[in-house]
Amino acid sequence: MKKILVIGSTVVDVIITLEDHLPRTQEDVHVVRQKMSLGGCAYNTSDMIRHFGVPYTLFSPIGTGAYGDFVRTRLRERNIDTPIPTPDQDNGCCYCFIEKGGERTFISYHGAEYRFRREWFSLLNPEEIESVYICGLEIEEETGIHIVEWLEANPQLTVYFAPGPRINRISPDLLSRIFALHPILHLNEEEVCSYAAQHSSPEQESQAQNAAAETISSSDLRYRNTEMEQAVQYLYGLTGNTVIVTLGRHGSYYQSDSAAEYVEGFPAQQTDTIGAGDSHIGAVIACRHLGMSYRDAVRSANLAAAKVVETEGAQLSDESFAEISF
């Protein structure tokens, strides 16, 4: 079986649980607890792929310094290796602030883990790879061009692109080149609406509105966001491929070439939302690799993400994953 290539960062998540809320300017707030764990969009995504038993390669630079040593040690404990040699630059970290209600706010210190070199891609054999995951943080860096150029040189690969909130900060020219690769897009509700609002013209909005109205019936829907549907239709027109949108407790919505539908969510007792989106896209990639339809893959991803939301931190233990009834 060919592998999934997961391109991106592995960082130290410094998880800080607050007594109540994020501080305002000059305010003093208390921390309930803090801990350090492995994190980063690529690592979180790859760990969910691992749970499904799908082979993958984590293509992630690991820098020097205390954070780099932490990452290398933890990956070694999990028997995970990355083919990239150690760059001579400190590894960064991500400060994850958890408010009382479980919502998270990130502050990232970017280091070696986000910066890719062109020569590293010669270490890969495209014939061993079926699909590739990329996210927005690495593409946004000045070295993101090296990732895009390698993908352009290998158009046979299926690309899953989870740009996150950075989609509006990526160079428009570079983003257009990624869209030309016909990636499967993965965003949340706010991200997809924000991008469409900033970039679509009135004429495109009208076309998307008409197209969205034809793709789905509002009957028997517990939740519907027509603005989001139109935004998805707009992005679908740019990429010509499936767009998946996570809707929190409402589940997900996707549009492919054959369907546009809402997929039910599952109740969860929210602990924090760290890694929920990464786990969702990881589950989608793994399930599609195993031959599932988009609807079944998204439903499985909704289940996995709900379990992550109930867990402190970004990853599930093997025992927690085994408890999910797919």
Protein backbone atom coordinates (compact mmCIF):
# COMPACT_ATOMS: atom_id res chain seq x y z
CA MET A 1 0.00 0.00 0.00
CA LYS A 2 1.29 3.45 -0.88
CA LYS A 3 1.85 6.00 1.87
CA ILE A 4 0.39 9.29 2.94
CA LEU A 5 3.01 12.05 3.01
CA VAL A 6 2.37 14.49 5.85
CA ILE A 7 4.28 17.73 5.29
CA GLY A 8 4.47 20.24 8.11
CA SER A 9 5.44 21.03 11.64
CA THR A 10 6.04 19.08 14.82
CA VAL A 11 6.26 21.41 17.79
CA VAL A 12 6.02 21.49 21.55
CA ASP A 13 2.54 22.45 22.68
CA VAL A 14 2.74 24.37 25.94
CA ILE A 15 -0.84 23.90 27.15
CA ILE A 16 -1.89 26.55 29.66
CA THR A 17 -5.31 26.06 31.25
CA LEU A 18 -6.71 29.32 32.56
CA GLU A 19 -8.96 29.72 35.58
CA ASP A 20 -11.45 31.67 33.52
CA HIS A 21 -10.65 33.72 30.41
CA LEU A 22 -7.80 35.23 28.42
CA PRO A 23 -6.44 38.40 30.01
CA ARG A 24 -7.24 41.82 28.68
CA THR A 25 -4.51 44.46 28.52
CA GLN A 26 -3.06 45.03 32.02
CA GLU A 27 -5.32 42.37 33.56
CA ASP A 28 -3.94 39.63 35.84
CA VAL A 29 -5.36 36.12 35.47
CA HIS A 30 -4.55 32.79 37.13
CA VAL A 31 -3.34 29.59 35.51
CA VAL A 32 -4.90 26.36 36.74
CA ARG A 33 -2.23 24.08 35.25
CA GLN A 34 0.21 23.75 32.39
CA LYS A 35 1.96 20.93 30.59
CA MET A 36 4.13 20.26 27.54
CA SER A 37 3.26 17.75 24.84
CA LEU A 38 3.96 16.97 21.20
CA GLY A 39 1.88 19.01 18.81
CA GLY A 40 1.84 20.80 15.50
CA CYS A 41 -0.68 20.44 12.69
CA ALA A 42 1.32 17.83 10.78
CA TYR A 43 2.08 15.70 13.80
CA ASN A 44 -1.52 15.79 15.05
CA THR A 45 -2.78 14.83 11.59
CA SER A 46 -0.26 12.02 11.21
CA ASP A 47 -1.13 10.58 14.62
CA MET A 48 -4.78 10.20 13.63
CA ILE A 49 -3.71 8.55 10.36
CA ARG A 50 -1.62 6.14 12.46
CA HIS A 51 -4.66 5.21 14.55
CA PHE A 52 -6.42 4.01 11.40
CA GLY A 53 -3.48 1.77 10.50
CA VAL A 54 -2.65 3.63 7.29
CA PRO A 55 1.06 3.91 6.39
CA TYR A 56 2.46 7.42 6.35
CA THR A 57 5.67 9.45 6.41
CA LEU A 58 5.96 12.47 8.67
CA PHE A 59 8.04 14.97 6.66
CA SER A 60 8.82 17.47 9.39
CA PRO A 61 11.98 19.43 10.17
CA ILE A 62 13.06 19.20 13.82
CA GLY A 63 15.35 21.97 14.98
CA THR A 64 17.81 22.37 17.82
CA GLY A 65 17.45 23.76 21.33
CA ALA A 66 15.31 22.61 24.24
CA TYR A 67 12.14 22.35 22.17
CA GLY A 68 13.90 20.40 19.42
CA ASP A 69 15.35 17.98 21.97
CA PHE A 70 11.87 17.50 23.46
CA VAL A 71 10.37 16.71 20.06
CA ARG A 72 13.15 14.30 19.04
CA THR A 73 12.95 12.42 22.35
CA ARG A 74 9.17 12.04 22.19
CA LEU A 75 9.22 10.93 18.55
CA ARG A 76 11.94 8.40 19.32
CA GLU A 77 9.81 7.00 22.14
CA ARG A 78 7.03 6.47 19.57
CA ASN A 79 9.40 4.93 16.97
CA ILE A 80 8.68 7.78 14.56
CA ASP A 81 11.40 9.03 12.25
CA THR A 82 11.49 11.89 9.76
CA PRO A 83 13.89 11.73 6.80
CA ILE A 84 14.83 15.42 7.07
CA PRO A 85 18.28 16.09 8.59
CA THR A 86 18.44 18.39 11.64
CA PRO A 87 18.62 22.03 10.51
CA ASP A 88 20.90 24.40 12.40
CA GLN A 89 18.08 26.46 13.87
CA ASP A 90 16.03 26.31 17.06
CA ASN A 91 12.72 24.48 17.04
CA GLY A 92 9.70 26.58 17.96
CA CYS A 93 6.69 25.98 20.15
CA CYS A 94 3.00 26.77 20.40
CA TYR A 95 1.42 28.30 23.50
CA CYS A 96 -2.12 26.93 23.79
CA PHE A 97 -4.34 28.92 26.15
CA ILE A 98 -7.48 27.07 27.27
CA GLU A 99 -10.33 29.16 28.63
CA LYS A 100 -12.94 27.93 31.08
CA GLY A 101 -15.36 26.89 28.33
CA GLY A 102 -12.72 24.84 26.50
CA GLU A 103 -11.99 27.22 23.63
CA ARG A 104 -8.33 27.55 22.71
CA THR A 105 -6.16 30.46 21.56
CA PHE A 106 -2.75 29.86 19.99
CA ILE A 107 0.39 31.95 20.09
CA SER A 108 3.10 30.39 17.92
CA TYR A 109 6.84 30.89 17.98
CA HIS A 110 8.06 29.77 14.56
CA GLY A 111 11.39 28.03 14.29
CA ALA A 112 13.01 25.41 12.07
CA GLU A 113 9.86 23.28 11.96
CA TYR A 114 8.11 25.68 9.57
CA ARG A 115 10.94 26.29 7.10
CA PHE A 116 11.61 23.80 4.31
CA ARG A 117 14.60 23.53 1.99
CA ARG A 118 14.35 22.58 -1.67
CA GLU A 119 17.02 19.86 -1.43
CA TRP A 120 15.11 17.95 1.25
CA PHE A 121 12.47 16.89 -1.28
CA SER A 122 15.05 14.82 -3.16
CA LEU A 123 14.84 12.43 -0.19
CA LEU A 124 11.31 11.45 -1.22
CA ASN A 125 10.25 8.83 -3.75
CA PRO A 126 6.95 10.02 -5.27
CA GLU A 127 6.19 6.49 -6.52
CA GLU A 128 5.73 5.39 -2.90
CA ILE A 129 3.22 8.15 -2.16
CA GLU A 130 -0.51 8.26 -2.86
CA SER A 131 -1.54 11.55 -1.30
CA VAL A 132 -0.06 14.54 0.51
CA TYR A 133 -1.22 16.68 3.43
CA ILE A 134 -0.16 20.33 3.68
CA CYS A 135 -1.38 23.17 5.90
CA GLY A 136 -1.25 26.95 5.73
CA LEU A 137 1.46 27.75 8.28
CA GLU A 138 4.30 26.22 6.27
CA ILE A 139 3.04 27.57 2.94
CA GLU A 140 2.85 31.07 4.40
CA GLU A 141 6.59 31.07 5.18
CA GLU A 142 9.02 32.33 2.54
CA THR A 143 10.16 28.71 2.05
CA GLY A 144 6.62 27.54 1.29
CA ILE A 145 7.43 27.91 -2.40
CA HIS A 146 9.62 24.78 -2.18
CA ILE A 147 6.63 22.69 -1.07
CA VAL A 148 4.46 24.03 -3.86
CA GLU A 149 7.12 23.50 -6.53
CA TRP A 150 7.54 19.85 -5.48
CA LEU A 151 3.79 19.30 -5.64
CA GLU A 152 3.67 20.92 -9.09
CA ALA A 153 6.42 18.54 -10.21
CA ASN A 154 4.27 15.61 -9.04
CA PRO A 155 0.72 16.38 -10.23
CA GLN A 156 -0.30 12.71 -9.94
CA LEU A 157 -0.48 13.05 -6.15
CA THR A 158 -3.75 13.81 -4.38
CA VAL A 159 -3.32 16.94 -2.25
CA TYR A 160 -5.22 17.62 0.98
CA PHE A 161 -4.88 21.27 1.94
CA ALA A 162 -5.90 22.49 5.40
CA PRO A 163 -4.87 26.17 5.34
CA GLY A 164 -6.70 27.13 8.54
CA PRO A 165 -7.10 30.83 9.39
CA ARG A 166 -3.84 31.61 7.56
CA ILE A 167 -5.60 31.21 4.21
CA ASN A 168 -6.04 34.98 4.04
CA ARG A 169 -2.34 35.59 4.71
CA ILE A 170 -0.86 33.32 2.06
CA SER A 171 0.43 35.06 -1.06
CA PRO A 172 -2.47 35.17 -3.57
CA ASP A 173 -0.14 34.02 -6.36
CA LEU A 174 1.06 31.05 -4.34
CA LEU A 175 -2.48 30.20 -3.28
CA SER A 176 -3.58 30.26 -6.92
CA ARG A 177 -0.84 27.77 -7.76
CA ILE A 178 -2.05 25.47 -4.98
CA PHE A 179 -5.66 25.76 -6.17
CA ALA A 180 -4.45 24.83 -9.67
CA LEU A 181 -3.34 21.48 -8.20
CA HIS A 182 -7.03 20.74 -7.45
CA PRO A 183 -6.54 20.07 -3.74
CA ILE A 184 -9.18 18.73 -1.39
CA LEU A 185 -9.79 21.70 0.91
CA HIS A 186 -10.45 21.38 4.63
CA LEU A 187 -11.57 24.46 6.58
CA ASN A 188 -13.87 25.41 9.41
CA GLU A 189 -17.04 27.45 9.05
CA GLU A 190 -15.52 30.81 9.92
CA GLU A 191 -12.48 30.30 7.70
CA VAL A 192 -14.40 29.41 4.56
CA CYS A 193 -16.86 32.30 4.98
CA SER A 194 -14.09 34.79 5.73
CA TYR A 195 -12.10 33.83 2.64
CA ALA A 196 -15.06 33.99 0.30
CA ALA A 197 -16.19 37.34 1.72
CA GLN A 198 -12.75 38.86 1.12
CA HIS A 199 -12.07 37.48 -2.34
CA SER A 200 -15.24 36.76 -4.29
CA SER A 201 -16.76 39.40 -6.56
CA PRO A 202 -20.51 40.24 -6.51
CA GLU A 203 -20.92 38.29 -9.75
CA GLN A 204 -19.14 35.26 -8.28
CA GLU A 205 -21.25 35.51 -5.14
CA SER A 206 -24.41 35.45 -7.25
CA GLN A 207 -23.20 32.45 -9.24
CA ALA A 208 -22.23 30.61 -6.05
CA GLN A 209 -25.58 31.41 -4.48
CA ASN A 210 -27.46 29.98 -7.46
CA ALA A 211 -25.25 26.90 -7.62
CA ALA A 212 -25.53 26.26 -3.89
CA ALA A 213 -29.31 26.52 -4.04
CA GLU A 214 -29.35 23.72 -6.61
CA THR A 215 -27.13 21.32 -4.69
CA ILE A 216 -28.96 20.79 -1.43
CA SER A 217 -32.46 20.70 -0.04
CA SER A 218 -33.20 22.38 3.27
CA SER A 219 -35.72 19.72 4.29
CA ASP A 220 -34.96 17.69 7.42
CA LEU A 221 -31.86 19.74 8.25
CA ARG A 222 -31.25 20.52 11.91
CA TYR A 223 -28.63 23.10 10.96
CA ARG A 224 -28.03 25.09 7.82
CA ASN A 225 -25.80 28.03 6.92
CA THR A 226 -26.52 29.29 3.41
CA GLU A 227 -23.64 31.78 3.54
CA MET A 228 -21.27 28.90 4.23
CA GLU A 229 -22.79 26.83 1.39
CA GLN A 230 -22.22 29.70 -1.03
CA ALA A 231 -18.64 30.12 0.21
CA VAL A 232 -18.01 26.41 -0.34
CA GLN A 233 -19.45 26.67 -3.84
CA TYR A 234 -17.10 29.57 -4.55
CA LEU A 235 -14.03 27.63 -3.38
CA TYR A 236 -15.22 24.52 -5.22
CA GLY A 237 -15.23 26.63 -8.36
CA LEU A 238 -11.62 27.67 -7.74
CA THR A 239 -10.24 24.18 -7.08
CA GLY A 240 -12.60 21.88 -8.95
CA ASN A 241 -12.37 19.42 -6.08
CA THR A 242 -14.02 18.49 -2.80
CA VAL A 243 -14.37 21.09 -0.05
CA ILE A 244 -14.93 19.93 3.54
CA VAL A 245 -16.05 22.32 6.29
CA THR A 246 -16.16 21.47 9.99
CA LEU A 247 -19.11 22.94 11.90
CA GLY A 248 -18.25 22.13 15.51
CA ARG A 249 -21.11 20.40 17.33
CA HIS A 250 -23.21 20.56 14.15
CA GLY A 251 -20.89 18.13 12.38
CA SER A 252 -19.55 18.92 8.92
CA TYR A 253 -20.56 19.92 5.43
CA TYR A 254 -18.88 18.85 2.22
CA GLN A 255 -19.26 19.35 -1.48
CA SER A 256 -17.81 16.91 -3.97
CA ASP A 257 -18.44 16.38 -7.66
CA SER A 258 -21.39 14.13 -6.84
CA ALA A 259 -22.90 15.46 -3.59
CA ALA A 260 -23.26 18.40 -1.26
CA GLU A 261 -24.56 17.54 2.18
CA TYR A 262 -24.39 18.02 5.90
CA VAL A 263 -23.04 15.11 7.96
CA GLU A 264 -24.25 14.83 11.54
CA GLY A 265 -22.09 15.70 14.51
CA PHE A 266 -21.83 13.78 17.75
CA PRO A 267 -22.30 15.00 21.32
CA ALA A 268 -19.12 15.67 23.26
CA GLN A 269 -18.30 16.94 26.72
CA GLN A 270 -15.85 19.63 25.71
CA THR A 271 -12.51 19.66 27.54
CA ASP A 272 -10.61 21.66 24.93
CA THR A 273 -10.59 21.94 21.16
CA ILE A 274 -6.83 21.61 20.59
CA GLY A 275 -6.15 19.37 17.61
CA ALA A 276 -9.80 18.74 16.73
CA GLY A 277 -9.42 20.10 13.20
CA ASP A 278 -6.11 18.30 12.64
CA SER A 279 -7.62 15.03 13.84
CA HIS A 280 -10.62 15.55 11.59
CA ILE A 281 -8.58 15.97 8.41
CA GLY A 282 -6.31 13.09 9.46
CA ALA A 283 -9.34 10.82 9.81
CA VAL A 284 -10.72 11.94 6.44
CA ILE A 285 -7.40 11.21 4.71
CA ALA A 286 -7.07 7.80 6.34
CA CYS A 287 -10.67 6.79 5.59
CA ARG A 288 -10.45 7.88 1.97
CA HIS A 289 -7.18 5.95 1.68
CA LEU A 290 -9.07 2.89 2.94
CA GLY A 291 -11.69 3.31 0.22
CA MET A 292 -14.56 4.98 2.08
CA SER A 293 -16.98 7.38 0.43
CA TYR A 294 -16.71 11.04 1.34
CA ARG A 295 -19.83 10.84 3.46
CA ASP A 296 -18.57 7.85 5.45
CA ALA A 297 -15.10 9.39 5.77
CA VAL A 298 -16.49 12.69 7.06
CA ARG A 299 -18.83 10.90 9.48
CA SER A 300 -15.90 8.90 10.88
CA ALA A 301 -13.89 12.11 11.16
CA ASN A 302 -16.75 13.75 13.08
CA LEU A 303 -16.67 10.87 15.57
CA ALA A 304 -12.90 11.05 15.98
CA ALA A 305 -12.90 14.84 16.41
CA ALA A 306 -15.65 14.61 19.05
CA LYS A 307 -13.46 12.21 21.03
CA VAL A 308 -10.49 14.59 20.74
CA VAL A 309 -12.63 17.47 22.04
CA GLU A 310 -13.33 15.40 25.16
CA THR A 311 -9.59 14.84 25.70
CA GLU A 312 -7.03 17.23 27.13
CA GLY A 313 -4.53 18.04 24.41
CA ALA A 314 -4.40 17.24 20.72
CA GLN A 315 -4.00 13.47 20.45
CA LEU A 316 -5.90 10.38 21.50
CA SER A 317 -4.32 7.46 23.28
CA ASP A 318 -4.64 4.09 21.59
CA GLU A 319 -7.12 3.10 24.30
CA SER A 320 -9.30 6.17 23.69
CA PHE A 321 -9.29 5.60 19.94
CA ALA A 322 -10.34 1.97 20.44
CA GLU A 323 -13.43 3.17 22.32
CA ILE A 324 -14.83 4.95 19.24
CA SER A 325 -17.68 3.07 17.56
CA PHE A 326 -17.19 3.84 13.88
